[in-house]
Amino acid sequence: MSISCEIIKDLLPLYLDDVCSNDSKTAVTEHIAACEKCNAEFQGMQSNLHLGSVGDNMREAEAVKELSKRWKKGMVKSLIKGALIALAVIAAIAILAFVFLDVRIIYA
């Protein structure tokens, strides 16, 4: 059975990650052995795939965690700052209304 190059191109990422079925692996292996164009595509995908070392990946993961902590901390600070500014604006409006518009609070 002949499989088109387009289908093989769709399967190549799965083939590289070793997550396709055995039938798909066999079909891709046979096709890239016979088709120079798809073999070149496969070779290009292999050379572009850089996983790095475990140590490098762990350092990157730690850096992302640290960045996430700083971002969350900054978000909390911004939320508190925004709430305080909103309260200050509301208090200023209330004071101005009380002083200049002669608004009085009526107690029941």
PDB file of N, CA and C in Angstrom:
ATOM      1  N   MET A   1       0.838  -1.176   0.000  1.00  0.00           N
ATOM      2  CA  MET A   1       0.000   0.000   0.000  1.00  0.00           C
ATOM      3  C   MET A   1       0.890   1.248   0.000  1.00  0.00           C
ATOM      4  N   SER A   2       0.608   2.159  -0.905  1.00  0.00           N
ATOM      5  CA  SER A   2       1.391   3.378  -1.038  1.00  0.00           C
ATOM      6  C   SER A   2       0.744   4.490  -0.214  1.00  0.00           C
ATOM      7  N   ILE A   3       1.547   5.130   0.601  1.00  0.00           N
ATOM      8  CA  ILE A   3       1.059   6.236   1.432  1.00  0.00           C
ATOM      9  C   ILE A   3       1.648   7.519   0.877  1.00  0.00           C
ATOM     10  N   SER A   4       0.806   8.551   0.791  1.00  0.00           N
ATOM     11  CA  SER A   4       1.264   9.815   0.211  1.00  0.00           C
ATOM     12  C   SER A   4       2.285  10.493   1.118  1.00  0.00           C
ATOM     13  N   CYS A   5       3.084  11.338   0.497  1.00  0.00           N
ATOM     14  CA  CYS A   5       4.096  12.098   1.241  1.00  0.00           C
ATOM     15  C   CYS A   5       3.440  13.014   2.278  1.00  0.00           C
ATOM     16  N   GLU A   6       2.275  13.540   1.975  1.00  0.00           N
ATOM     17  CA  GLU A   6       1.588  14.435   2.917  1.00  0.00           C
ATOM     18  C   GLU A   6       1.233  13.698   4.209  1.00  0.00           C
ATOM     19  N   ILE A   7       0.778  12.464   4.079  1.00  0.00           N
ATOM     20  CA  ILE A   7       0.447  11.678   5.275  1.00  0.00           C
ATOM     21  C   ILE A   7       1.719  11.370   6.058  1.00  0.00           C
ATOM     22  N   ILE A   8       2.776  11.044   5.365  1.00  0.00           N
ATOM     23  CA  ILE A   8       4.057  10.766   6.040  1.00  0.00           C
ATOM     24  C   ILE A   8       4.541  12.018   6.770  1.00  0.00           C
ATOM     25  N   LYS A   9       4.412  13.187   6.144  1.00  0.00           N
ATOM     26  CA  LYS A   9       4.823  14.439   6.801  1.00  0.00           C
ATOM     27  C   LYS A   9       4.012  14.682   8.058  1.00  0.00           C
ATOM     28  N   ASP A  10       2.730  14.303   8.023  1.00  0.00           N
ATOM     29  CA  ASP A  10       1.896  14.436   9.221  1.00  0.00           C
ATOM     30  C   ASP A  10       2.331  13.481  10.325  1.00  0.00           C
ATOM     31  N   LEU A  11       2.819  12.309   9.925  1.00  0.00           N
ATOM     32  CA  LEU A  11       3.229  11.293  10.897  1.00  0.00           C
ATOM     33  C   LEU A  11       4.650  11.484  11.425  1.00  0.00           C
ATOM     34  N   LEU A  12       5.480  12.234  10.726  1.00  0.00           N
ATOM     35  CA  LEU A  12       6.887  12.367  11.129  1.00  0.00           C
ATOM     36  C   LEU A  12       7.081  12.864  12.566  1.00  0.00           C
ATOM     37  N   PRO A  13       6.358  13.892  13.024  1.00  0.00           N
ATOM     38  CA  PRO A  13       6.556  14.312  14.424  1.00  0.00           C
ATOM     39  C   PRO A  13       6.225  13.200  15.424  1.00  0.00           C
ATOM     40  N   LEU A  14       5.159  12.456  15.147  1.00  0.00           N
ATOM     41  CA  LEU A  14       4.801  11.343  16.029  1.00  0.00           C
ATOM     42  C   LEU A  14       5.867  10.245  15.973  1.00  0.00           C
ATOM     43  N   TYR A  15       6.388  10.009  14.783  1.00  0.00           N
ATOM     44  CA  TYR A  15       7.444   9.017  14.581  1.00  0.00           C
ATOM     45  C   TYR A  15       8.700   9.420  15.358  1.00  0.00           C
ATOM     46  N   LEU A  16       9.064  10.690  15.282  1.00  0.00           N
ATOM     47  CA  LEU A  16      10.247  11.170  16.008  1.00  0.00           C
ATOM     48  C   LEU A  16      10.075  11.060  17.521  1.00  0.00           C
ATOM     49  N   ASP A  17       8.861  11.332  17.986  1.00  0.00           N
ATOM     50  CA  ASP A  17       8.593  11.248  19.429  1.00  0.00           C
ATOM     51  C   ASP A  17       8.324   9.821  19.891  1.00  0.00           C
ATOM     52  N   ASP A  18       8.259   8.896  18.944  1.00  0.00           N
ATOM     53  CA  ASP A  18       8.012   7.480  19.230  1.00  0.00           C
ATOM     54  C   ASP A  18       6.669   7.276  19.940  1.00  0.00           C
ATOM     55  N   VAL A  19       5.644   7.962  19.439  1.00  0.00           N
ATOM     56  CA  VAL A  19       4.311   7.828  20.029  1.00  0.00           C
ATOM     57  C   VAL A  19       3.268   7.337  19.027  1.00  0.00           C
ATOM     58  N   CYS A  20       3.694   6.952  17.847  1.00  0.00           N
ATOM     59  CA  CYS A  20       2.728   6.430  16.872  1.00  0.00           C
ATOM     60  C   CYS A  20       2.661   4.906  16.981  1.00  0.00           C
ATOM     61  N   SER A  21       1.653   4.332  16.371  1.00  0.00           N
ATOM     62  CA  SER A  21       1.464   2.881  16.426  1.00  0.00           C
ATOM     63  C   SER A  21       2.577   2.171  15.662  1.00  0.00           C
ATOM     64  N   ASN A  22       2.681   0.880  15.902  1.00  0.00           N
ATOM     65  CA  ASN A  22       3.705   0.085  15.210  1.00  0.00           C
ATOM     66  C   ASN A  22       3.461   0.069  13.701  1.00  0.00           C
ATOM     67  N   ASP A  23       2.191   0.027  13.295  1.00  0.00           N
ATOM     68  CA  ASP A  23       1.881   0.051  11.860  1.00  0.00           C
ATOM     69  C   ASP A  23       2.334   1.371  11.237  1.00  0.00           C
ATOM     70  N   SER A  24       2.109   2.467  11.953  1.00  0.00           N
ATOM     71  CA  SER A  24       2.538   3.780  11.444  1.00  0.00           C
ATOM     72  C   SER A  24       4.063   3.860  11.381  1.00  0.00           C
ATOM     73  N   LYS A  25       4.725   3.325  12.401  1.00  0.00           N
ATOM     74  CA  LYS A  25       6.197   3.326  12.402  1.00  0.00           C
ATOM     75  C   LYS A  25       6.733   2.565  11.193  1.00  0.00           C
ATOM     76  N   THR A  26       6.142   1.400  10.943  1.00  0.00           N
ATOM     77  CA  THR A  26       6.579   0.586   9.807  1.00  0.00           C
ATOM     78  C   THR A  26       6.346   1.328   8.500  1.00  0.00           C
ATOM     79  N   ALA A  27       5.177   1.951   8.364  1.00  0.00           N
ATOM     80  CA  ALA A  27       4.849   2.674   7.133  1.00  0.00           C
ATOM     81  C   ALA A  27       5.811   3.842   6.917  1.00  0.00           C
ATOM     82  N   VAL A  28       6.101   4.586   7.979  1.00  0.00           N
ATOM     83  CA  VAL A  28       7.009   5.734   7.859  1.00  0.00           C
ATOM     84  C   VAL A  28       8.416   5.256   7.537  1.00  0.00           C
ATOM     85  N   THR A  29       8.881   4.214   8.217  1.00  0.00           N
ATOM     86  CA  THR A  29      10.221   3.685   7.979  1.00  0.00           C
ATOM     87  C   THR A  29      10.383   3.236   6.528  1.00  0.00           C
ATOM     88  N   GLU A  30       9.393   2.514   6.048  1.00  0.00           N
ATOM     89  CA  GLU A  30       9.458   2.039   4.660  1.00  0.00           C
ATOM     90  C   GLU A  30       9.420   3.211   3.677  1.00  0.00           C
ATOM     91  N   HIS A  31       8.573   4.191   3.965  1.00  0.00           N
ATOM     92  CA  HIS A  31       8.426   5.320   3.046  1.00  0.00           C
ATOM     93  C   HIS A  31       9.698   6.168   2.988  1.00  0.00           C
ATOM     94  N   ILE A  32      10.264   6.498   4.148  1.00  0.00           N
ATOM     95  CA  ILE A  32      11.442   7.369   4.133  1.00  0.00           C
ATOM     96  C   ILE A  32      12.671   6.643   3.580  1.00  0.00           C
ATOM     97  N   ALA A  33      12.638   5.296   3.598  1.00  0.00           N
ATOM     98  CA  ALA A  33      13.725   4.536   2.973  1.00  0.00           C
ATOM     99  C   ALA A  33      13.653   4.642   1.453  1.00  0.00           C
ATOM    100  N   ALA A  34      12.445   4.807   0.923  1.00  0.00           N
ATOM    101  CA  ALA A  34      12.264   4.835  -0.527  1.00  0.00           C
ATOM    102  C   ALA A  34      12.114   6.243  -1.097  1.00  0.00           C
ATOM    103  N   CYS A  35      11.730   7.202  -0.299  1.00  0.00           N
ATOM    104  CA  CYS A  35      11.437   8.562  -0.792  1.00  0.00           C
ATOM    105  C   CYS A  35      12.512   9.534  -0.292  1.00  0.00           C
ATOM    106  N   GLU A  36      13.293  10.065  -1.193  1.00  0.00           N
ATOM    107  CA  GLU A  36      14.373  10.984  -0.824  1.00  0.00           C
ATOM    108  C   GLU A  36      13.838  12.277  -0.208  1.00  0.00           C
ATOM    109  N   LYS A  37      12.734  12.768  -0.748  1.00  0.00           N
ATOM    110  CA  LYS A  37      12.148  14.025  -0.271  1.00  0.00           C
ATOM    111  C   LYS A  37      11.708  13.900   1.197  1.00  0.00           C
ATOM    112  N   CYS A  38      11.004  12.829   1.509  1.00  0.00           N
ATOM    113  CA  CYS A  38      10.548  12.625   2.887  1.00  0.00           C
ATOM    114  C   CYS A  38      11.708  12.289   3.813  1.00  0.00           C
ATOM    115  N   ASN A  39      12.706  11.584   3.295  1.00  0.00           N
ATOM    116  CA  ASN A  39      13.889  11.276   4.087  1.00  0.00           C
ATOM    117  C   ASN A  39      14.627  12.569   4.445  1.00  0.00           C
ATOM    118  N   ALA A  40      14.722  13.485   3.487  1.00  0.00           N
ATOM    119  CA  ALA A  40      15.373  14.772   3.759  1.00  0.00           C
ATOM    120  C   ALA A  40      14.587  15.550   4.817  1.00  0.00           C
ATOM    121  N   GLU A  41      13.267  15.511   4.711  1.00  0.00           N
ATOM    122  CA  GLU A  41      12.415  16.175   5.708  1.00  0.00           C
ATOM    123  C   GLU A  41      12.657  15.555   7.089  1.00  0.00           C
ATOM    124  N   PHE A  42      12.710  14.242   7.134  1.00  0.00           N
ATOM    125  CA  PHE A  42      12.963  13.525   8.387  1.00  0.00           C
ATOM    126  C   PHE A  42      14.322  13.894   8.969  1.00  0.00           C
ATOM    127  N   GLN A  43      15.352  13.918   8.129  1.00  0.00           N
ATOM    128  CA  GLN A  43      16.695  14.283   8.593  1.00  0.00           C
ATOM    129  C   GLN A  43      16.726  15.711   9.121  1.00  0.00           C
ATOM    130  N   GLY A  44      16.012  16.599   8.436  1.00  0.00           N
ATOM    131  CA  GLY A  44      15.941  17.984   8.890  1.00  0.00           C
ATOM    132  C   GLY A  44      15.249  18.110  10.231  1.00  0.00           C
ATOM    133  N   MET A  45      14.196  17.332  10.434  1.00  0.00           N
ATOM    134  CA  MET A  45      13.489  17.369  11.718  1.00  0.00           C
ATOM    135  C   MET A  45      14.371  16.820  12.831  1.00  0.00           C
ATOM    136  N   GLN A  46      15.149  15.791  12.522  1.00  0.00           N
ATOM    137  CA  GLN A  46      16.044  15.225  13.534  1.00  0.00           C
ATOM    138  C   GLN A  46      17.128  16.212  13.925  1.00  0.00           C
ATOM    139  N   SER A  47      17.667  16.931  12.961  1.00  0.00           N
ATOM    140  CA  SER A  47      18.758  17.856  13.265  1.00  0.00           C
ATOM    141  C   SER A  47      18.251  19.100  13.993  1.00  0.00           C
ATOM    142  N   ASN A  48      16.988  19.458  13.806  1.00  0.00           N
ATOM    143  CA  ASN A  48      16.424  20.629  14.478  1.00  0.00           C
ATOM    144  C   ASN A  48      15.957  20.325  15.893  1.00  0.00           C
ATOM    145  N   LEU A  49      15.855  19.062  16.238  1.00  0.00           N
ATOM    146  CA  LEU A  49      15.359  18.667  17.541  1.00  0.00           C
ATOM    147  C   LEU A  49      16.484  18.733  18.564  1.00  0.00           C
ATOM    148  N   HIS A  50      16.399  19.689  19.483  1.00  0.00           N
ATOM    149  CA  HIS A  50      17.415  19.837  20.522  1.00  0.00           C
ATOM    150  C   HIS A  50      16.722  19.739  21.874  1.00  0.00           C
ATOM    151  N   LEU A  51      16.988  18.672  22.574  1.00  0.00           N
ATOM    152  CA  LEU A  51      16.347  18.458  23.866  1.00  0.00           C
ATOM    153  C   LEU A  51      17.159  19.006  25.029  1.00  0.00           C
ATOM    154  N   GLY A  52      18.449  19.122  24.883  1.00  0.00           N
ATOM    155  CA  GLY A  52      19.295  19.617  25.961  1.00  0.00           C
ATOM    156  C   GLY A  52      19.502  18.539  27.014  1.00  0.00           C
ATOM    157  N   SER A  53      20.361  18.843  27.959  1.00  0.00           N
ATOM    158  CA  SER A  53      20.653  17.883  29.021  1.00  0.00           C
ATOM    159  C   SER A  53      19.631  18.025  30.144  1.00  0.00           C
ATOM    160  N   VAL A  54      19.575  17.026  30.978  1.00  0.00           N
ATOM    161  CA  VAL A  54      18.637  17.047  32.105  1.00  0.00           C
ATOM    162  C   VAL A  54      18.962  18.215  33.028  1.00  0.00           C
ATOM    163  N   GLY A  55      20.243  18.449  33.253  1.00  0.00           N
ATOM    164  CA  GLY A  55      20.648  19.558  34.128  1.00  0.00           C
ATOM    165  C   GLY A  55      20.206  20.902  33.578  1.00  0.00           C
ATOM    166  N   ASP A  56      20.385  21.099  32.271  1.00  0.00           N
ATOM    167  CA  ASP A  56      19.944  22.352  31.646  1.00  0.00           C
ATOM    168  C   ASP A  56      18.432  22.515  31.770  1.00  0.00           C
ATOM    169  N   ASN A  57      17.709  21.428  31.523  1.00  0.00           N
ATOM    170  CA  ASN A  57      16.255  21.487  31.612  1.00  0.00           C
ATOM    171  C   ASN A  57      15.793  21.783  33.030  1.00  0.00           C
ATOM    172  N   MET A  58      16.463  21.223  34.008  1.00  0.00           N
ATOM    173  CA  MET A  58      16.091  21.479  35.409  1.00  0.00           C
ATOM    174  C   MET A  58      16.374  22.930  35.785  1.00  0.00           C
ATOM    175  N   ARG A  59      17.495  23.474  35.319  1.00  0.00           N
ATOM    176  CA  ARG A  59      17.802  24.886  35.600  1.00  0.00           C
ATOM    177  C   ARG A  59      16.766  25.799  34.955  1.00  0.00           C
ATOM    178  N   GLU A  60      16.371  25.469  33.735  1.00  0.00           N
ATOM    179  CA  GLU A  60      15.342  26.263  33.067  1.00  0.00           C
ATOM    180  C   GLU A  60      14.012  26.175  33.808  1.00  0.00           C
ATOM    181  N   ALA A  61      13.680  24.985  34.300  1.00  0.00           N
ATOM    182  CA  ALA A  61      12.441  24.810  35.054  1.00  0.00           C
ATOM    183  C   ALA A  61      12.467  25.639  36.337  1.00  0.00           C
ATOM    184  N   GLU A  62      13.601  25.653  37.027  1.00  0.00           N
ATOM    185  CA  GLU A  62      13.738  26.451  38.254  1.00  0.00           C
ATOM    186  C   GLU A  62      13.623  27.942  37.939  1.00  0.00           C
ATOM    187  N   ALA A  63      14.213  28.360  36.827  1.00  0.00           N
ATOM    188  CA  ALA A  63      14.124  29.767  36.439  1.00  0.00           C
ATOM    189  C   ALA A  63      12.676  30.152  36.145  1.00  0.00           C
ATOM    190  N   VAL A  64      11.942  29.262  35.502  1.00  0.00           N
ATOM    191  CA  VAL A  64      10.534  29.540  35.205  1.00  0.00           C
ATOM    192  C   VAL A  64       9.722  29.602  36.502  1.00  0.00           C
ATOM    193  N   LYS A  65      10.011  28.709  37.454  1.00  0.00           N
ATOM    194  CA  LYS A  65       9.317  28.736  38.747  1.00  0.00           C
ATOM    195  C   LYS A  65       9.580  30.059  39.468  1.00  0.00           C
ATOM    196  N   GLU A  66      10.837  30.491  39.470  1.00  0.00           N
ATOM    197  CA  GLU A  66      11.194  31.746  40.135  1.00  0.00           C
ATOM    198  C   GLU A  66      10.500  32.928  39.475  1.00  0.00           C
ATOM    199  N   LEU A  67      10.486  32.925  38.160  1.00  0.00           N
ATOM    200  CA  LEU A  67       9.810  33.986  37.423  1.00  0.00           C
ATOM    201  C   LEU A  67       8.319  34.004  37.737  1.00  0.00           C
ATOM    202  N   SER A  68       7.724  32.823  37.841  1.00  0.00           N
ATOM    203  CA  SER A  68       6.305  32.713  38.166  1.00  0.00           C
ATOM    204  C   SER A  68       6.021  33.266  39.563  1.00  0.00           C
ATOM    205  N   LYS A  69       6.901  32.968  40.523  1.00  0.00           N
ATOM    206  CA  LYS A  69       6.730  33.490  41.890  1.00  0.00           C
ATOM    207  C   LYS A  69       6.790  35.013  41.894  1.00  0.00           C
ATOM    208  N   ARG A  70       7.782  35.573  41.179  1.00  0.00           N
ATOM    209  CA  ARG A  70       7.912  37.033  41.129  1.00  0.00           C
ATOM    210  C   ARG A  70       6.710  37.660  40.457  1.00  0.00           C
ATOM    211  N   TRP A  71       6.199  37.032  39.406  1.00  0.00           N
ATOM    212  CA  TRP A  71       5.046  37.574  38.700  1.00  0.00           C
ATOM    213  C   TRP A  71       3.826  37.569  39.610  1.00  0.00           C
ATOM    214  N   LYS A  72       3.597  36.468  40.331  1.00  0.00           N
ATOM    215  CA  LYS A  72       2.454  36.390  41.254  1.00  0.00           C
ATOM    216  C   LYS A  72       2.580  37.426  42.362  1.00  0.00           C
ATOM    217  N   LYS A  73       3.799  37.591  42.887  1.00  0.00           N
ATOM    218  CA  LYS A  73       4.034  38.574  43.942  1.00  0.00           C
ATOM    219  C   LYS A  73       3.734  39.980  43.425  1.00  0.00           C
ATOM    220  N   GLY A  74       4.169  40.266  42.199  1.00  0.00           N
ATOM    221  CA  GLY A  74       3.895  41.563  41.592  1.00  0.00           C
ATOM    222  C   GLY A  74       2.403  41.782  41.369  1.00  0.00           C
ATOM    223  N   MET A  75       1.689  40.725  41.004  1.00  0.00           N
ATOM    224  CA  MET A  75       0.248  40.842  40.802  1.00  0.00           C
ATOM    225  C   MET A  75      -0.450  41.172  42.110  1.00  0.00           C
ATOM    226  N   VAL A  76      -0.051  40.549  43.214  1.00  0.00           N
ATOM    227  CA  VAL A  76      -0.649  40.815  44.522  1.00  0.00           C
ATOM    228  C   VAL A  76      -0.363  42.259  44.932  1.00  0.00           C
ATOM    229  N   LYS A  77       0.876  42.702  44.724  1.00  0.00           N
ATOM    230  CA  LYS A  77       1.217  44.087  45.059  1.00  0.00           C
ATOM    231  C   LYS A  77       0.385  45.066  44.239  1.00  0.00           C
ATOM    232  N   SER A  78       0.215  44.783  42.973  1.00  0.00           N
ATOM    233  CA  SER A  78      -0.580  45.660  42.104  1.00  0.00           C
ATOM    234  C   SER A  78      -2.034  45.688  42.550  1.00  0.00           C
ATOM    235  N   LEU A  79      -2.566  44.548  42.939  1.00  0.00           N
ATOM    236  CA  LEU A  79      -3.953  44.480  43.409  1.00  0.00           C
ATOM    237  C   LEU A  79      -4.135  45.301  44.676  1.00  0.00           C
ATOM    238  N   ILE A  80      -3.215  45.163  45.613  1.00  0.00           N
ATOM    239  CA  ILE A  80      -3.300  45.933  46.859  1.00  0.00           C
ATOM    240  C   ILE A  80      -3.150  47.422  46.578  1.00  0.00           C
ATOM    241  N   LYS A  81      -2.201  47.778  45.734  1.00  0.00           N
ATOM    242  CA  LYS A  81      -2.001  49.185  45.384  1.00  0.00           C
ATOM    243  C   LYS A  81      -3.247  49.759  44.722  1.00  0.00           C
ATOM    244  N   GLY A  82      -3.849  49.000  43.818  1.00  0.00           N
ATOM    245  CA  GLY A  82      -5.067  49.453  43.143  1.00  0.00           C
ATOM    246  C   GLY A  82      -6.220  49.638  44.121  1.00  0.00           C
ATOM    247  N   ALA A  83      -6.363  48.707  45.056  1.00  0.00           N
ATOM    248  CA  ALA A  83      -7.435  48.813  46.049  1.00  0.00           C
ATOM    249  C   ALA A  83      -7.227  50.035  46.940  1.00  0.00           C
ATOM    250  N   LEU A  84      -5.976  50.284  47.344  1.00  0.00           N
ATOM    251  CA  LEU A  84      -5.698  51.454  48.187  1.00  0.00           C
ATOM    252  C   LEU A  84      -5.951  52.759  47.438  1.00  0.00           C
ATOM    253  N   ILE A  85      -5.581  52.810  46.181  1.00  0.00           N
ATOM    254  CA  ILE A  85      -5.827  54.007  45.378  1.00  0.00           C
ATOM    255  C   ILE A  85      -7.328  54.225  45.215  1.00  0.00           C
ATOM    256  N   ALA A  86      -8.078  53.155  44.964  1.00  0.00           N
ATOM    257  CA  ALA A  86      -9.535  53.270  44.820  1.00  0.00           C
ATOM    258  C   ALA A  86     -10.159  53.775  46.114  1.00  0.00           C
ATOM    259  N   LEU A  87      -9.718  53.258  47.258  1.00  0.00           N
ATOM    260  CA  LEU A  87     -10.236  53.725  48.546  1.00  0.00           C
ATOM    261  C   LEU A  87      -9.890  55.192  48.776  1.00  0.00           C
ATOM    262  N   ALA A  88      -8.685  55.599  48.411  1.00  0.00           N
ATOM    263  CA  ALA A  88      -8.288  56.993  48.577  1.00  0.00           C
ATOM    264  C   ALA A  88      -9.139  57.906  47.703  1.00  0.00           C
ATOM    265  N   VAL A  89      -9.415  57.505  46.475  1.00  0.00           N
ATOM    266  CA  VAL A  89     -10.243  58.310  45.582  1.00  0.00           C
ATOM    267  C   VAL A  89     -11.662  58.415  46.131  1.00  0.00           C
ATOM    268  N   ILE A  90     -12.208  57.313  46.607  1.00  0.00           N
ATOM    269  CA  ILE A  90     -13.565  57.327  47.176  1.00  0.00           C
ATOM    270  C   ILE A  90     -13.609  58.215  48.410  1.00  0.00           C
ATOM    271  N   ALA A  91     -12.587  58.137  49.260  1.00  0.00           N
ATOM    272  CA  ALA A  91     -12.536  58.988  50.458  1.00  0.00           C
ATOM    273  C   ALA A  91     -12.432  60.456  50.068  1.00  0.00           C
ATOM    274  N   ALA A  92     -11.615  60.763  49.058  1.00  0.00           N
ATOM    275  CA  ALA A  92     -11.475  62.156  48.623  1.00  0.00           C
ATOM    276  C   ALA A  92     -12.789  62.675  48.065  1.00  0.00           C
ATOM    277  N   ILE A  93     -13.484  61.885  47.294  1.00  0.00           N
ATOM    278  CA  ILE A  93     -14.783  62.306  46.745  1.00  0.00           C
ATOM    279  C   ILE A  93     -15.782  62.516  47.869  1.00  0.00           C
ATOM    280  N   ALA A  94     -15.789  61.623  48.852  1.00  0.00           N
ATOM    281  CA  ALA A  94     -16.712  61.760  49.990  1.00  0.00           C
ATOM    282  C   ALA A  94     -16.409  63.022  50.783  1.00  0.00           C
ATOM    283  N   ILE A  95     -15.135  63.311  51.009  1.00  0.00           N
ATOM    284  CA  ILE A  95     -14.756  64.529  51.754  1.00  0.00           C
ATOM    285  C   ILE A  95     -15.154  65.771  50.975  1.00  0.00           C
ATOM    286  N   LEU A  96     -14.867  65.788  49.676  1.00  0.00           N
ATOM    287  CA  LEU A  96     -15.242  66.932  48.851  1.00  0.00           C
ATOM    288  C   LEU A  96     -16.757  67.129  48.830  1.00  0.00           C
ATOM    289  N   ALA A  97     -17.499  66.048  48.727  1.00  0.00           N
ATOM    290  CA  ALA A  97     -18.957  66.139  48.727  1.00  0.00           C
ATOM    291  C   ALA A  97     -19.441  66.667  50.074  1.00  0.00           C
ATOM    292  N   PHE A  98     -18.843  66.213  51.154  1.00  0.00           N
ATOM    293  CA  PHE A  98     -19.243  66.654  52.488  1.00  0.00           C
ATOM    294  C   PHE A  98     -18.929  68.134  52.694  1.00  0.00           C
ATOM    295  N   VAL A  99     -17.743  68.585  52.244  1.00  0.00           N
ATOM    296  CA  VAL A  99     -17.308  69.961  52.487  1.00  0.00           C
ATOM    297  C   VAL A  99     -17.989  70.940  51.532  1.00  0.00           C
ATOM    298  N   PHE A 100     -17.965  70.635  50.234  1.00  0.00           N
ATOM    299  CA  PHE A 100     -18.427  71.619  49.258  1.00  0.00           C
ATOM    300  C   PHE A 100     -19.907  71.498  48.885  1.00  0.00           C
ATOM    301  N   LEU A 101     -20.467  70.355  48.992  1.00  0.00           N
ATOM    302  CA  LEU A 101     -21.858  70.184  48.594  1.00  0.00           C
ATOM    303  C   LEU A 101     -22.788  70.131  49.794  1.00  0.00           C
ATOM    304  N   ASP A 102     -22.218  70.251  50.955  1.00  0.00           N
ATOM    305  CA  ASP A 102     -22.976  70.257  52.196  1.00  0.00           C
ATOM    306  C   ASP A 102     -23.831  68.997  52.334  1.00  0.00           C
ATOM    307  N   VAL A 103     -23.206  67.868  52.031  1.00  0.00           N
ATOM    308  CA  VAL A 103     -23.897  66.587  52.171  1.00  0.00           C
ATOM    309  C   VAL A 103     -23.745  66.151  53.606  1.00  0.00           C
ATOM    310  N   ARG A 104     -24.828  65.796  54.204  1.00  0.00           N
ATOM    311  CA  ARG A 104     -24.810  65.361  55.604  1.00  0.00           C
ATOM    312  C   ARG A 104     -25.306  63.921  55.695  1.00  0.00           C
ATOM    313  N   ILE A 105     -24.723  63.221  56.623  1.00  0.00           N
ATOM    314  CA  ILE A 105     -25.159  61.846  56.856  1.00  0.00           C
ATOM    315  C   ILE A 105     -26.278  61.901  57.878  1.00  0.00           C
ATOM    316  N   ILE A 106     -27.371  61.291  57.516  1.00  0.00           N
ATOM    317  CA  ILE A 106     -28.550  61.303  58.406  1.00  0.00           C
ATOM    318  C   ILE A 106     -28.566  59.991  59.175  1.00  0.00           C
ATOM    319  N   TYR A 107     -28.568  60.115  60.467  1.00  0.00           N
ATOM    320  CA  TYR A 107     -28.622  58.917  61.315  1.00  0.00           C
ATOM    321  C   TYR A 107     -30.063  58.674  61.713  1.00  0.00           C
ATOM    322  N   ALA A 108     -30.477  57.459  61.612  1.00  0.00           N
ATOM    323  CA  ALA A 108     -31.869  57.137  61.949  1.00  0.00           C
ATOM    324  C   ALA A 108     -32.043  56.885  63.401  1.00  0.00           C
TER     325      ALA A 108
END
